[in-house]
N, C-alpha and C. Protein backbone atom coordinates (compact mmCIF):
# COMPACT_ATOMS: atom_id res chain seq x y z
N UNK A 1 190.47 -44.88 -92.77
CA UNK A 1 190.16 -46.17 -92.53
C UNK A 1 189.98 -46.51 -90.92
N UNK A 2 190.72 -45.90 -90.05
CA UNK A 2 190.54 -46.25 -88.68
C UNK A 2 189.34 -45.71 -88.06
N UNK A 3 188.95 -44.42 -88.61
CA UNK A 3 187.44 -43.83 -88.05
C UNK A 3 186.35 -44.80 -88.54
N UNK A 4 186.61 -45.34 -89.84
CA UNK A 4 185.50 -46.28 -90.46
C UNK A 4 185.41 -47.49 -89.36
N UNK A 5 186.32 -48.20 -89.11
CA UNK A 5 186.42 -49.30 -88.30
C UNK A 5 185.77 -48.97 -86.92
N UNK A 6 186.41 -47.90 -86.39
CA UNK A 6 185.73 -47.46 -85.07
C UNK A 6 184.25 -47.06 -85.17
N UNK A 7 183.67 -46.43 -86.43
CA UNK A 7 182.33 -46.33 -86.41
C UNK A 7 181.58 -47.53 -86.71
N UNK A 8 182.04 -48.48 -87.42
CA UNK A 8 181.34 -49.76 -87.58
C UNK A 8 181.34 -50.57 -86.12
N UNK A 9 182.39 -50.65 -85.40
CA UNK A 9 182.47 -51.15 -84.17
C UNK A 9 181.38 -50.66 -83.17
N UNK A 10 181.50 -49.33 -83.30
CA UNK A 10 180.37 -48.65 -82.38
C UNK A 10 179.07 -48.98 -82.78
N UNK A 11 178.73 -48.95 -84.16
CA UNK A 11 177.26 -49.35 -84.53
C UNK A 11 177.03 -50.77 -84.10
N UNK A 12 177.92 -51.68 -84.23
CA UNK A 12 177.55 -53.04 -83.89
C UNK A 12 177.44 -53.24 -82.40
N UNK A 13 178.15 -52.39 -81.45
CA UNK A 13 177.94 -52.53 -80.10
C UNK A 13 176.53 -51.95 -79.69
N UNK A 14 176.19 -50.94 -80.39
CA UNK A 14 174.97 -50.31 -80.23
C UNK A 14 173.82 -51.18 -80.57
N UNK A 15 173.91 -51.86 -81.81
CA UNK A 15 173.04 -52.73 -82.33
C UNK A 15 172.70 -53.88 -81.24
N UNK A 16 173.94 -54.53 -80.82
CA UNK A 16 173.84 -55.58 -79.86
C UNK A 16 173.10 -55.23 -78.59
N UNK A 17 173.45 -53.92 -78.09
CA UNK A 17 172.87 -53.54 -76.96
C UNK A 17 171.23 -53.33 -76.96
N UNK A 18 170.90 -52.80 -78.26
CA UNK A 18 169.38 -52.64 -78.50
C UNK A 18 168.74 -54.02 -78.59
N UNK A 19 169.34 -54.89 -79.16
CA UNK A 19 168.82 -56.32 -79.33
C UNK A 19 168.62 -56.85 -77.98
N UNK A 20 169.47 -56.72 -77.08
CA UNK A 20 169.68 -57.40 -75.74
C UNK A 20 168.53 -56.57 -74.99
N UNK A 21 168.44 -55.17 -74.92
CA UNK A 21 167.42 -54.51 -74.17
C UNK A 21 166.17 -55.03 -74.71
N UNK A 22 165.73 -54.99 -75.91
CA UNK A 22 164.32 -55.40 -76.50
C UNK A 22 164.13 -56.75 -76.24
N UNK A 23 165.04 -57.77 -76.04
CA UNK A 23 164.70 -59.14 -75.88
C UNK A 23 164.46 -59.40 -74.24
N UNK A 24 164.82 -58.37 -73.63
CA UNK A 24 164.60 -58.58 -72.00
C UNK A 24 163.44 -57.83 -71.60
N UNK A 25 162.90 -56.99 -72.23
CA UNK A 25 161.72 -56.09 -71.82
C UNK A 25 160.55 -56.79 -72.32
N UNK A 26 159.57 -56.88 -71.21
CA UNK A 26 158.26 -57.63 -71.54
C UNK A 26 157.15 -56.47 -71.67
N UNK A 27 156.94 -56.09 -72.99
CA UNK A 27 156.12 -55.00 -73.17
C UNK A 27 154.43 -55.38 -72.64
N UNK A 28 154.22 -56.53 -72.32
CA UNK A 28 153.02 -56.66 -71.73
C UNK A 28 152.85 -56.20 -70.32
N UNK A 29 154.05 -55.78 -69.64
CA UNK A 29 153.98 -55.44 -68.35
C UNK A 29 154.46 -54.08 -68.26
N UNK A 30 155.12 -53.35 -69.18
CA UNK A 30 155.71 -52.22 -69.07
C UNK A 30 154.66 -51.11 -68.93
N UNK A 31 154.75 -50.30 -67.99
CA UNK A 31 153.91 -49.08 -67.77
C UNK A 31 152.36 -49.45 -67.58
N UNK A 32 152.06 -50.51 -67.07
CA UNK A 32 150.69 -50.93 -66.87
C UNK A 32 150.24 -50.56 -65.38
N UNK A 33 148.82 -50.54 -65.25
CA UNK A 33 148.28 -50.57 -63.97
C UNK A 33 148.26 -51.95 -63.46
N UNK A 34 148.04 -52.04 -62.05
CA UNK A 34 148.18 -53.18 -61.37
C UNK A 34 146.84 -53.44 -60.68
N UNK A 35 146.38 -54.54 -60.58
CA UNK A 35 145.22 -55.03 -59.58
C UNK A 35 145.46 -56.36 -59.29
N UNK A 36 144.78 -56.85 -58.08
CA UNK A 36 145.02 -58.04 -57.47
C UNK A 36 143.85 -58.98 -57.36
N UNK A 37 144.06 -60.30 -57.57
CA UNK A 37 142.90 -61.20 -57.47
C UNK A 37 143.31 -62.45 -56.74
N UNK A 38 142.29 -62.85 -56.24
CA UNK A 38 142.51 -64.52 -55.65
C UNK A 38 141.71 -65.46 -56.53
N UNK A 39 142.43 -66.34 -56.97
CA UNK A 39 141.91 -67.28 -58.00
C UNK A 39 140.94 -68.30 -57.41
N UNK A 40 139.83 -68.61 -58.24
CA UNK A 40 138.80 -69.50 -57.94
C UNK A 40 138.80 -70.59 -59.03
N UNK A 41 137.90 -71.40 -59.23
CA UNK A 41 137.72 -72.13 -60.34
C UNK A 41 137.49 -71.32 -61.75
N UNK A 42 137.99 -71.93 -62.80
CA UNK A 42 137.54 -71.13 -64.10
C UNK A 42 136.22 -71.16 -64.24
N UNK A 43 135.72 -70.05 -64.83
CA UNK A 43 134.19 -69.85 -65.27
C UNK A 43 133.99 -70.88 -66.46
N UNK A 44 134.92 -70.92 -67.33
CA UNK A 44 134.70 -71.73 -68.55
C UNK A 44 135.93 -72.29 -69.09
N UNK A 45 135.79 -73.54 -69.79
CA UNK A 45 137.02 -74.00 -70.33
C UNK A 45 136.71 -74.28 -71.87
N UNK A 46 137.55 -73.75 -72.62
CA UNK A 46 137.56 -74.02 -74.13
C UNK A 46 138.57 -74.84 -74.69
N UNK A 47 138.20 -75.80 -75.44
CA UNK A 47 139.10 -76.66 -76.05
C UNK A 47 139.01 -76.51 -77.53
N UNK A 48 140.15 -76.28 -78.14
CA UNK A 48 140.10 -76.30 -79.73
C UNK A 48 141.21 -77.20 -80.27
N UNK A 49 140.64 -78.10 -81.22
CA UNK A 49 141.70 -79.03 -81.88
C UNK A 49 142.29 -78.17 -83.04
N UNK A 50 143.75 -78.43 -83.05
CA UNK A 50 144.64 -77.85 -84.02
C UNK A 50 144.60 -78.71 -85.23
N UNK A 51 144.96 -78.35 -86.44
CA UNK A 51 145.19 -79.15 -87.58
C UNK A 51 146.01 -80.32 -87.38
N UNK A 52 147.13 -80.21 -86.42
CA UNK A 52 147.98 -81.31 -86.18
C UNK A 52 147.32 -82.32 -85.16
N UNK A 53 146.15 -82.00 -84.62
CA UNK A 53 145.42 -82.96 -83.78
C UNK A 53 145.65 -82.62 -82.38
N UNK A 54 146.54 -81.80 -82.07
CA UNK A 54 146.81 -81.33 -80.66
C UNK A 54 145.63 -80.58 -80.26
N UNK A 55 145.16 -80.73 -78.92
CA UNK A 55 144.12 -80.09 -78.46
C UNK A 55 144.61 -78.90 -77.53
N UNK A 56 144.41 -77.52 -77.91
CA UNK A 56 144.67 -76.48 -77.10
C UNK A 56 143.59 -76.14 -76.03
N UNK A 57 143.96 -76.14 -74.82
CA UNK A 57 142.97 -75.83 -73.75
C UNK A 57 143.07 -74.30 -73.25
N UNK A 58 142.02 -73.50 -73.10
CA UNK A 58 142.00 -72.13 -72.60
C UNK A 58 141.03 -72.16 -71.40
N UNK A 59 141.53 -71.57 -70.28
CA UNK A 59 140.82 -71.53 -69.04
C UNK A 59 140.43 -69.96 -68.94
N UNK A 60 139.14 -69.81 -68.72
CA UNK A 60 138.63 -68.31 -68.73
C UNK A 60 138.21 -68.08 -67.32
N UNK A 61 138.63 -66.94 -66.69
CA UNK A 61 138.27 -66.57 -65.45
C UNK A 61 137.80 -65.19 -65.45
N UNK A 62 136.60 -64.95 -64.64
CA UNK A 62 135.84 -63.69 -64.26
C UNK A 62 135.87 -63.52 -62.85
N UNK A 63 136.79 -62.60 -62.38
CA UNK A 63 136.92 -62.27 -60.81
C UNK A 63 136.99 -60.83 -60.56
N UNK A 64 136.68 -60.70 -59.27
CA UNK A 64 136.61 -59.27 -58.82
C UNK A 64 138.20 -59.04 -58.42
N UNK A 65 138.66 -57.97 -59.04
CA UNK A 65 140.05 -57.51 -58.80
C UNK A 65 140.09 -56.14 -58.00
N UNK A 66 141.15 -55.99 -57.26
CA UNK A 66 141.33 -54.75 -56.44
C UNK A 66 142.47 -54.03 -56.74
N UNK A 67 142.28 -52.66 -56.92
CA UNK A 67 143.47 -51.96 -57.09
C UNK A 67 144.05 -51.39 -55.87
N UNK A 68 145.28 -50.81 -55.69
CA UNK A 68 145.68 -50.48 -54.52
C UNK A 68 145.14 -49.41 -53.80
N UNK A 69 144.25 -48.63 -54.36
CA UNK A 69 143.40 -47.76 -53.67
C UNK A 69 142.11 -48.30 -53.11
N UNK A 70 141.96 -49.67 -53.30
CA UNK A 70 140.92 -50.22 -52.70
C UNK A 70 139.58 -50.54 -53.84
N UNK A 71 139.71 -49.65 -54.95
CA UNK A 71 138.70 -50.02 -55.91
C UNK A 71 138.56 -51.15 -56.31
N UNK A 72 137.20 -51.80 -56.46
CA UNK A 72 136.99 -53.14 -57.10
C UNK A 72 136.65 -52.92 -58.54
N UNK A 73 137.10 -53.80 -59.30
CA UNK A 73 136.65 -54.01 -60.73
C UNK A 73 136.57 -55.33 -61.08
N UNK A 74 135.82 -55.68 -62.03
CA UNK A 74 135.52 -57.16 -62.55
C UNK A 74 136.47 -57.37 -63.77
N UNK A 75 137.38 -58.37 -63.66
CA UNK A 75 138.01 -58.49 -64.96
C UNK A 75 137.80 -59.92 -65.45
N UNK A 76 138.20 -60.07 -66.74
CA UNK A 76 137.92 -61.26 -67.41
C UNK A 76 139.30 -61.73 -68.09
N UNK A 77 140.08 -62.64 -67.97
CA UNK A 77 141.17 -63.09 -68.63
C UNK A 77 141.31 -64.59 -68.80
N UNK A 78 142.29 -65.02 -69.59
CA UNK A 78 142.32 -66.41 -69.86
C UNK A 78 143.91 -66.90 -69.53
N UNK A 79 143.91 -68.18 -69.32
CA UNK A 79 145.37 -68.96 -69.08
C UNK A 79 145.16 -70.06 -69.83
N UNK A 80 146.60 -70.41 -70.24
CA UNK A 80 146.72 -71.60 -70.96
C UNK A 80 146.70 -72.90 -70.26
N UNK A 81 146.90 -72.62 -68.93
CA UNK A 81 146.78 -73.99 -68.06
C UNK A 81 145.83 -73.49 -66.77
N UNK A 82 145.38 -74.42 -66.14
CA UNK A 82 144.38 -74.14 -64.99
C UNK A 82 145.35 -73.55 -63.90
N UNK A 83 144.95 -72.37 -63.37
CA UNK A 83 145.74 -71.68 -62.35
C UNK A 83 145.34 -72.31 -61.05
N UNK A 84 146.29 -72.33 -60.10
CA UNK A 84 146.11 -72.91 -58.81
C UNK A 84 145.09 -72.09 -58.03
N UNK A 85 144.06 -72.85 -57.32
CA UNK A 85 143.06 -72.34 -56.79
C UNK A 85 143.61 -71.76 -55.49
N UNK A 86 143.05 -70.35 -55.13
CA UNK A 86 143.30 -69.77 -53.92
C UNK A 86 144.65 -69.08 -54.12
N UNK A 87 145.44 -69.11 -55.25
CA UNK A 87 146.64 -68.25 -55.49
C UNK A 87 146.19 -66.91 -55.69
N UNK A 88 147.14 -66.01 -55.26
CA UNK A 88 146.94 -64.61 -55.48
C UNK A 88 147.80 -64.11 -56.73
N UNK A 89 147.13 -63.45 -57.54
CA UNK A 89 147.95 -62.82 -58.79
C UNK A 89 147.88 -61.38 -58.77
N UNK A 90 149.07 -60.71 -59.24
CA UNK A 90 149.23 -59.35 -59.61
C UNK A 90 148.82 -59.25 -61.06
N UNK A 91 147.84 -58.46 -61.54
CA UNK A 91 147.39 -58.36 -62.99
C UNK A 91 147.93 -57.11 -63.39
N UNK A 92 148.36 -57.24 -64.81
CA UNK A 92 148.70 -56.01 -65.40
C UNK A 92 147.63 -55.47 -66.36
N UNK A 93 147.26 -54.32 -66.33
CA UNK A 93 145.95 -53.90 -66.91
C UNK A 93 146.22 -52.83 -67.83
N UNK A 94 145.60 -52.73 -68.97
CA UNK A 94 145.39 -51.61 -69.90
C UNK A 94 143.90 -51.32 -69.96
N UNK A 95 143.51 -49.99 -70.10
CA UNK A 95 142.23 -49.48 -70.34
C UNK A 95 141.34 -50.08 -69.07
N UNK A 96 141.85 -49.85 -67.97
CA UNK A 96 141.28 -50.24 -66.64
C UNK A 96 140.99 -51.73 -66.35
N UNK A 97 140.55 -52.60 -67.27
CA UNK A 97 140.14 -53.93 -67.10
C UNK A 97 140.90 -54.89 -68.16
N UNK A 98 141.62 -54.44 -69.01
CA UNK A 98 142.17 -55.54 -69.96
C UNK A 98 143.41 -55.96 -69.55
N UNK A 99 143.40 -57.33 -69.23
CA UNK A 99 144.44 -57.98 -68.66
C UNK A 99 145.52 -58.45 -69.51
N UNK A 100 146.74 -58.00 -69.48
CA UNK A 100 147.80 -58.17 -70.46
C UNK A 100 148.76 -59.31 -69.93
N UNK A 101 148.86 -59.43 -68.75
CA UNK A 101 149.81 -60.35 -68.14
C UNK A 101 149.46 -60.51 -66.55
N UNK A 102 150.13 -61.46 -66.01
CA UNK A 102 150.00 -61.59 -64.43
C UNK A 102 151.17 -62.30 -63.92
N UNK A 103 151.41 -62.03 -62.60
CA UNK A 103 152.41 -62.79 -61.78
C UNK A 103 151.78 -63.30 -60.51
N UNK A 104 152.16 -64.52 -60.22
CA UNK A 104 151.69 -64.95 -58.69
C UNK A 104 152.48 -64.34 -57.74
N UNK A 105 151.65 -63.78 -56.60
CA UNK A 105 152.21 -63.03 -55.55
C UNK A 105 151.79 -63.75 -54.18
N UNK A 106 152.50 -63.35 -53.20
CA UNK A 106 152.21 -64.19 -51.73
C UNK A 106 150.99 -63.36 -51.25
N UNK A 107 150.56 -63.98 -50.25
CA UNK A 107 149.23 -63.47 -49.52
C UNK A 107 149.70 -62.14 -48.79
N UNK A 108 151.03 -62.02 -48.35
CA UNK A 108 151.47 -60.78 -47.60
C UNK A 108 151.49 -59.61 -48.76
N UNK A 109 151.96 -60.03 -49.80
CA UNK A 109 151.93 -59.02 -50.91
C UNK A 109 150.61 -58.49 -51.34
N UNK A 110 149.72 -59.49 -51.45
CA UNK A 110 148.35 -59.15 -51.72
C UNK A 110 147.61 -58.26 -50.70
N UNK A 111 147.76 -58.59 -49.38
CA UNK A 111 147.43 -57.79 -48.32
C UNK A 111 147.81 -56.46 -48.15
N UNK A 112 149.13 -56.40 -48.49
CA UNK A 112 149.82 -55.00 -48.41
C UNK A 112 149.18 -54.15 -49.44
N UNK A 113 148.95 -54.81 -50.56
CA UNK A 113 148.54 -53.90 -51.80
C UNK A 113 147.04 -53.49 -51.67
N UNK A 114 146.21 -54.55 -51.49
CA UNK A 114 144.70 -54.08 -51.31
C UNK A 114 144.40 -53.73 -49.94
N UNK A 115 145.11 -53.92 -48.86
CA UNK A 115 144.59 -53.74 -47.48
C UNK A 115 143.27 -54.29 -47.27
N UNK A 116 142.32 -53.47 -46.77
CA UNK A 116 140.93 -54.08 -46.51
C UNK A 116 140.15 -54.07 -47.67
N UNK A 117 140.44 -54.01 -48.72
CA UNK A 117 139.52 -53.82 -49.96
C UNK A 117 139.03 -55.09 -50.22
N UNK A 118 139.67 -56.31 -50.15
CA UNK A 118 139.35 -57.66 -50.41
C UNK A 118 138.74 -58.30 -49.41
């Protein structure tokens, strides 16, 4: 009986640990390539009315992005709010130009990453 209680307790601790790890990992950022952009005005704005009457707004951006090795690519991505003009973002990419997530970075981080590329 004692071994069974230890086994069940161990499984419970393991399960709680797995849940905590999985809830804190952002799979949109895990093992992705990075590129850097400076935000300008959105290329287009889409509005969609939901059944509840609420209006969902999507802002689409098409911008040149720079890898740390200086390569330039063009990326298209969306945001649910209008991004601050002149802000610098680090993009998380799959398949070279598919943006899965982004984080705002400082100008210094942007400059260190892209050097003279931008």
